[in-house]
Amino acid sequence: MQSAYGPFGSSWAWLTDTLPALSKLPAAMAVTALLLVVSGILRPFDRRGRGLERLTILWATTMLRIARIRMRTEGIDRLDLSQRYVFVCNHASWVDIPVLITSLPHRLTFLAKRELFEMPLLGACLRRTGQIPVDRSNSRKSADGLRKTIEAVRTGRYSLLLFAGGTRADSGVGEFKQGAAYLAIRAQLPVVPVGLKGTAAVMPRGARLIRGTTVEVVVGDPIPTQDLTVEQRADLTRKLQEEVHSMVTGAPTQVQRAAAAAGSSAC
């Protein structure tokens, strides 16, 4: 079981532990703005981006404290700390990113909309911490972005984290797209299904209050991709979606159902 708030568990506890419910969202926005200003001051002196990475973890930890979110983790021991991965996860809430930053023991890079990289301070912070811009409005630029993403993940020092559904799903698990499987196969990195349980309840779509709750991060077994081709990405996508759906809902996977049926017939 990992610490509820990651490596900066006691940071700003005097502030976040006393916030009333109505103050959570304004406090989260204020802290985010403050840390962006600090990152702008730090950036010229932080050529390797290590300071900004620690600042990002501090931001994520503080967001969880403000929201009064506690975490349970399962399956972290399945990961090799010396190995880079492509993590594929369901997406249900804005809090998913701080939850994953504080719970996964790897240096992570995300795909983010190119518009975010054009924003003052935030764009510079995203670039310095290794995040990858994606232009969804132009198919040619999007394809070029995918090629750069594959090269960056294949040769870089970060693991890639992808929300396979693309957008938030109110139910907790949306329909997975094939892009995550495609990137994992092309990068020839093991792909890891990750299930998030409970984050949708933190701030449902249209809500104005952040609700404190306990969320769970469930990490599945890494799936090798060395022997897979891009033509098999649909099968890999279905397997990933089934694994994540099982983690979130508790429903057995097809393999588990088949094993149970075989066991019953043997009896």
Protein backbone atom coordinates (compact mmCIF):
# COMPACT_ATOMS: atom_id res chain seq x y z
CA MET A 1 0.00 0.00 0.00
CA GLN A 2 1.46 3.31 -1.08
CA SER A 3 1.32 6.55 0.91
CA ALA A 4 -1.98 8.35 0.41
CA TYR A 5 -0.39 11.50 -0.97
CA GLY A 6 2.94 10.40 -2.42
CA PRO A 7 6.40 11.73 -1.54
CA PHE A 8 5.16 15.18 -0.48
CA GLY A 9 2.49 13.86 1.86
CA SER A 10 2.92 16.52 4.55
CA SER A 11 3.32 19.52 2.23
CA TRP A 12 0.91 22.35 3.03
CA ALA A 13 -1.10 20.05 5.31
CA TRP A 14 -1.81 23.00 7.62
CA LEU A 15 -3.72 24.61 4.74
CA THR A 16 -5.35 21.73 2.88
CA ASP A 17 -6.59 19.81 5.93
CA THR A 18 -8.76 22.73 7.07
CA LEU A 19 -10.37 23.74 3.77
CA PRO A 20 -14.20 23.78 3.72
CA ALA A 21 -15.89 22.08 0.75
CA LEU A 22 -16.76 25.36 -1.01
CA SER A 23 -13.12 26.45 -0.96
CA LYS A 24 -11.63 23.35 -2.58
CA LEU A 25 -12.01 24.37 -6.24
CA PRO A 26 -10.78 27.99 -5.76
CA ALA A 27 -7.88 26.67 -3.66
CA ALA A 28 -6.93 24.14 -6.35
CA MET A 29 -6.96 26.87 -9.00
CA ALA A 30 -4.93 29.25 -6.81
CA VAL A 31 -2.28 26.64 -5.98
CA THR A 32 -2.01 25.67 -9.66
CA ALA A 33 -1.51 29.33 -10.65
CA LEU A 34 1.07 29.84 -7.88
CA LEU A 35 3.11 26.78 -8.87
CA LEU A 36 3.02 27.83 -12.52
CA VAL A 37 4.55 31.17 -11.52
CA VAL A 38 7.18 29.37 -9.44
CA SER A 39 7.93 27.08 -12.40
CA GLY A 40 8.47 30.15 -14.60
CA ILE A 41 11.00 31.51 -12.10
CA LEU A 42 12.71 28.13 -11.74
CA ARG A 43 12.83 27.20 -15.42
CA PRO A 44 15.94 29.21 -16.50
CA PHE A 45 17.96 27.53 -13.74
CA ASP A 46 16.61 24.02 -14.30
CA ARG A 47 18.04 22.94 -17.64
CA ARG A 48 17.40 19.22 -17.12
CA GLY A 49 13.87 19.73 -15.84
CA ARG A 50 14.40 17.79 -12.59
CA GLY A 51 13.21 20.69 -10.43
CA LEU A 52 10.08 21.07 -12.54
CA GLU A 53 9.41 17.34 -12.23
CA ARG A 54 9.51 17.62 -8.44
CA LEU A 55 7.28 20.68 -8.65
CA THR A 56 4.82 18.67 -10.73
CA ILE A 57 4.73 15.95 -8.05
CA LEU A 58 4.21 18.64 -5.41
CA TRP A 59 1.31 20.03 -7.45
CA ALA A 60 -0.26 16.58 -7.82
CA THR A 61 0.15 15.81 -4.12
CA THR A 62 -1.38 19.15 -3.13
CA MET A 63 -4.36 18.63 -5.47
CA LEU A 64 -5.11 15.32 -3.73
CA ARG A 65 -4.86 16.96 -0.30
CA ILE A 66 -7.15 19.81 -1.30
CA ALA A 67 -9.70 17.36 -2.70
CA ARG A 68 -9.38 15.15 0.43
CA ILE A 69 -8.61 12.14 -1.76
CA ARG A 70 -6.95 9.09 -0.33
CA MET A 71 -5.52 6.34 -2.51
CA ARG A 72 -5.18 2.60 -2.46
CA THR A 73 -2.80 0.94 -4.90
CA GLU A 74 -2.69 -2.64 -6.09
CA GLY A 75 -0.24 -4.37 -8.42
CA ILE A 76 2.61 -1.83 -8.25
CA ASP A 77 4.96 -4.73 -7.49
CA ARG A 78 4.29 -6.06 -11.00
CA LEU A 79 6.37 -3.21 -12.44
CA ASP A 80 10.12 -3.26 -13.08
CA LEU A 81 11.52 0.11 -12.02
CA SER A 82 14.32 -0.17 -14.60
CA GLN A 83 11.86 -0.79 -17.46
CA ARG A 84 9.95 1.83 -19.44
CA TYR A 85 6.31 1.12 -20.24
CA VAL A 86 3.28 2.38 -22.09
CA PHE A 87 0.57 2.71 -19.42
CA VAL A 88 -3.00 2.53 -20.73
CA CYS A 89 -5.69 3.79 -18.39
CA ASN A 90 -9.38 4.66 -18.23
CA HIS A 91 -10.28 8.34 -17.80
CA ALA A 92 -13.16 9.62 -15.67
CA SER A 93 -12.05 12.85 -13.96
CA TRP A 94 -9.58 15.74 -13.95
CA VAL A 95 -8.11 14.19 -10.81
CA ASP A 96 -6.89 11.12 -12.76
CA ILE A 97 -3.62 12.85 -13.67
CA PRO A 98 -2.55 13.83 -10.13
CA VAL A 99 -3.61 10.37 -8.90
CA LEU A 100 -1.42 8.65 -11.49
CA ILE A 101 1.54 11.00 -11.03
CA THR A 102 1.67 10.24 -7.32
CA SER A 103 0.98 6.51 -7.52
CA LEU A 104 3.01 5.17 -10.47
CA PRO A 105 6.73 4.86 -9.61
CA HIS A 106 7.94 5.88 -13.08
CA ARG A 107 8.79 9.15 -14.76
CA LEU A 108 5.79 9.81 -16.97
CA THR A 109 5.13 11.70 -20.15
CA PHE A 110 1.64 12.50 -21.44
CA LEU A 111 0.13 13.44 -24.77
CA ALA A 112 -1.42 16.90 -24.47
CA LYS A 113 -3.32 19.19 -26.83
CA ARG A 114 -1.01 21.53 -28.71
CA GLU A 115 -3.07 24.51 -27.53
CA LEU A 116 -1.84 23.92 -23.98
CA PHE A 117 1.77 24.35 -25.14
CA GLU A 118 0.92 27.82 -26.44
CA MET A 119 -0.18 29.05 -23.00
CA PRO A 120 2.27 31.23 -21.02
CA LEU A 121 4.17 29.38 -18.27
CA LEU A 122 2.13 26.18 -18.67
CA GLY A 123 3.48 25.51 -22.16
CA ALA A 124 7.08 26.00 -21.06
CA CYS A 125 6.53 23.73 -18.07
CA LEU A 126 4.99 21.01 -20.26
CA ARG A 127 7.89 21.12 -22.71
CA ARG A 128 10.59 21.09 -20.03
CA THR A 129 9.04 18.11 -18.23
CA GLY A 130 8.91 16.02 -21.42
CA GLN A 131 5.21 16.19 -22.31
CA ILE A 132 4.34 15.65 -25.98
CA PRO A 133 2.09 18.02 -28.02
CA VAL A 134 -0.59 16.57 -30.31
CA ASP A 135 -2.44 18.56 -32.97
CA ARG A 136 -5.87 16.92 -33.38
CA SER A 137 -7.16 19.52 -35.83
CA ASN A 138 -4.83 18.51 -38.66
CA SER A 139 -4.48 14.85 -39.73
CA ARG A 140 -1.04 15.37 -41.30
CA LYS A 141 0.30 17.13 -38.21
CA SER A 142 -1.34 14.50 -36.03
CA ALA A 143 0.46 11.72 -37.94
CA ASP A 144 3.73 13.63 -37.66
CA GLY A 145 3.09 14.01 -33.93
CA LEU A 146 2.59 10.24 -33.61
CA ARG A 147 5.92 9.59 -35.33
CA LYS A 148 7.67 12.01 -32.98
CA THR A 149 5.92 10.42 -30.02
CA ILE A 150 7.10 6.93 -31.01
CA GLU A 151 10.68 8.16 -31.42
CA ALA A 152 10.61 10.08 -28.13
CA VAL A 153 9.25 7.10 -26.18
CA ARG A 154 11.56 4.62 -27.88
CA THR A 155 14.73 6.61 -27.18
CA GLY A 156 13.79 8.68 -24.11
CA ARG A 157 13.82 8.20 -20.36
CA TYR A 158 10.08 8.44 -19.72
CA SER A 159 7.24 5.95 -19.69
CA LEU A 160 4.20 7.01 -21.71
CA LEU A 161 0.78 7.34 -20.07
CA LEU A 162 -2.29 7.29 -22.32
CA PHE A 163 -6.01 7.56 -21.68
CA ALA A 164 -7.12 5.07 -24.32
CA GLY A 165 -10.66 6.43 -24.54
CA GLY A 166 -9.38 9.87 -25.50
CA THR A 167 -11.95 11.76 -23.41
CA ARG A 168 -13.55 11.34 -19.99
CA ALA A 169 -16.18 8.63 -19.56
CA ASP A 170 -18.80 9.30 -16.89
CA SER A 171 -19.22 5.55 -16.39
CA GLY A 172 -15.52 5.21 -15.56
CA VAL A 173 -14.51 3.16 -18.63
CA GLY A 174 -15.18 4.39 -22.16
CA GLU A 175 -14.59 2.78 -25.54
CA PHE A 176 -10.86 2.37 -26.10
CA LYS A 177 -9.32 3.65 -29.32
CA GLN A 178 -6.50 1.81 -31.09
CA GLY A 179 -3.94 4.60 -30.85
CA ALA A 180 -2.51 3.43 -27.52
CA ALA A 181 -1.98 -0.12 -28.78
CA TYR A 182 -0.47 1.24 -32.01
CA LEU A 183 2.04 3.39 -30.11
CA ALA A 184 3.01 0.55 -27.76
CA ILE A 185 3.61 -1.85 -30.66
CA ARG A 186 5.59 0.69 -32.69
CA ALA A 187 7.67 1.70 -29.66
CA GLN A 188 8.23 -1.99 -28.81
CA LEU A 189 7.59 -1.35 -25.13
CA PRO A 190 5.49 -3.48 -22.76
CA VAL A 191 1.99 -2.08 -22.36
CA VAL A 192 0.41 -2.02 -18.90
CA PRO A 193 -3.36 -1.80 -18.26
CA VAL A 194 -4.22 0.49 -15.33
CA GLY A 195 -7.67 0.77 -13.81
CA LEU A 196 -8.86 3.81 -11.83
CA LYS A 197 -11.78 3.23 -9.48
CA GLY A 198 -13.69 6.03 -7.79
CA THR A 199 -12.28 9.11 -9.51
CA ALA A 200 -15.56 9.79 -11.34
CA ALA A 201 -17.19 10.56 -7.97
CA VAL A 202 -14.68 13.30 -7.10
CA MET A 203 -16.26 15.89 -9.37
CA PRO A 204 -18.94 14.55 -11.75
CA ARG A 205 -19.49 16.41 -15.02
CA GLY A 206 -21.36 19.66 -14.29
CA ALA A 207 -20.67 19.56 -10.54
CA ARG A 208 -19.31 22.64 -8.74
CA LEU A 209 -17.95 20.94 -5.64
CA ILE A 210 -15.00 18.61 -5.20
CA ARG A 211 -15.94 15.59 -3.11
CA GLY A 212 -13.41 13.86 -0.89
CA THR A 213 -13.29 10.09 -1.38
CA THR A 214 -11.01 7.07 -1.64
CA VAL A 215 -9.82 6.05 -5.08
CA GLU A 216 -8.06 2.88 -6.17
CA VAL A 217 -5.27 2.44 -8.70
CA VAL A 218 -5.04 -1.14 -9.98
CA VAL A 219 -2.01 -2.07 -12.11
CA GLY A 220 -2.22 -5.13 -14.35
CA ASP A 221 0.48 -7.43 -15.68
CA PRO A 222 2.71 -5.89 -18.38
CA ILE A 223 1.91 -7.25 -21.86
CA PRO A 224 4.94 -7.74 -24.15
CA THR A 225 4.70 -6.22 -27.64
CA GLN A 226 7.96 -7.41 -29.23
CA ASP A 227 6.24 -10.10 -31.30
CA LEU A 228 3.20 -8.03 -32.24
CA THR A 229 2.59 -6.15 -35.48
CA VAL A 230 0.50 -3.03 -35.97
CA GLU A 231 -2.10 -5.21 -37.72
CA GLN A 232 -2.73 -6.80 -34.30
CA ARG A 233 -3.49 -3.50 -32.58
CA ALA A 234 -7.26 -4.13 -32.61
CA ASP A 235 -6.82 -7.39 -30.70
CA LEU A 236 -4.47 -5.71 -28.23
CA THR A 237 -6.94 -2.85 -27.78
CA ARG A 238 -9.75 -5.28 -26.98
CA LYS A 239 -7.55 -7.09 -24.48
CA LEU A 240 -6.54 -3.84 -22.77
CA GLN A 241 -10.13 -2.61 -22.57
CA GLU A 242 -11.32 -5.92 -21.14
CA GLU A 243 -8.52 -5.92 -18.53
CA VAL A 244 -9.22 -2.33 -17.45
CA HIS A 245 -12.99 -2.91 -17.39
CA SER A 246 -12.43 -5.94 -15.16
CA MET A 247 -10.22 -3.91 -12.81
CA VAL A 248 -12.78 -1.13 -12.48
CA THR A 249 -15.99 -3.18 -12.31
CA GLY A 250 -14.79 -6.51 -10.92
CA ALA A 251 -16.30 -8.40 -13.89
CA PRO A 252 -14.23 -11.44 -14.98
CA THR A 253 -12.28 -11.24 -18.23
CA GLN A 254 -12.84 -13.68 -21.09
CA VAL A 255 -9.73 -15.62 -20.06
CA GLN A 256 -10.98 -15.84 -16.46
CA ARG A 257 -14.41 -17.01 -17.62
CA ALA A 258 -12.84 -19.65 -19.82
CA ALA A 259 -10.63 -20.88 -16.98
CA ALA A 260 -13.64 -21.06 -14.65
CA ALA A 261 -15.64 -22.99 -17.24
CA ALA A 262 -12.76 -25.41 -17.78
CA GLY A 263 -12.50 -25.94 -14.04
CA SER A 264 -16.22 -26.63 -13.78
CA SER A 265 -16.19 -29.14 -16.64
CA ALA A 266 -13.19 -30.90 -15.12
CA CYS A 267 -15.19 -31.45 -11.95
